[in-house]
């Protein structure tokens, strides 16, 4: 499994933030190994860590929320937002869905 740090706002990159986001991915995968759906992955059986409806949120004591959403079967997006901004979760989900659609168009175009 690979983890890639893509972007940040204007604040400096914080290693602890990266580690928290990385740990969240590990937690979701570990819990999915116990409670996840068993799927047939082209002739081999495996546990699917997340699907199109998967999401997870963890509220931190510093007023931030770590939010994980599925982008594809092998890619998840993890973001850290202020709790007051997370109340606009519909807007965050809309932006993630737009990102998912753009990625889908890029990779579907590559297959053609």
Foldseek 3Di string as FASTA:
>chain_A
DDDDDDDDPPDDDDPVVVVVLVVVLVVLQVVQQVVFDWDQDPNDIDGQSDDQPDKDWDQDPVQKIWIWGDLHSVDIDIDIGGNVVCVVVVVVVVVSVVVSVVVVVVVVVVVD
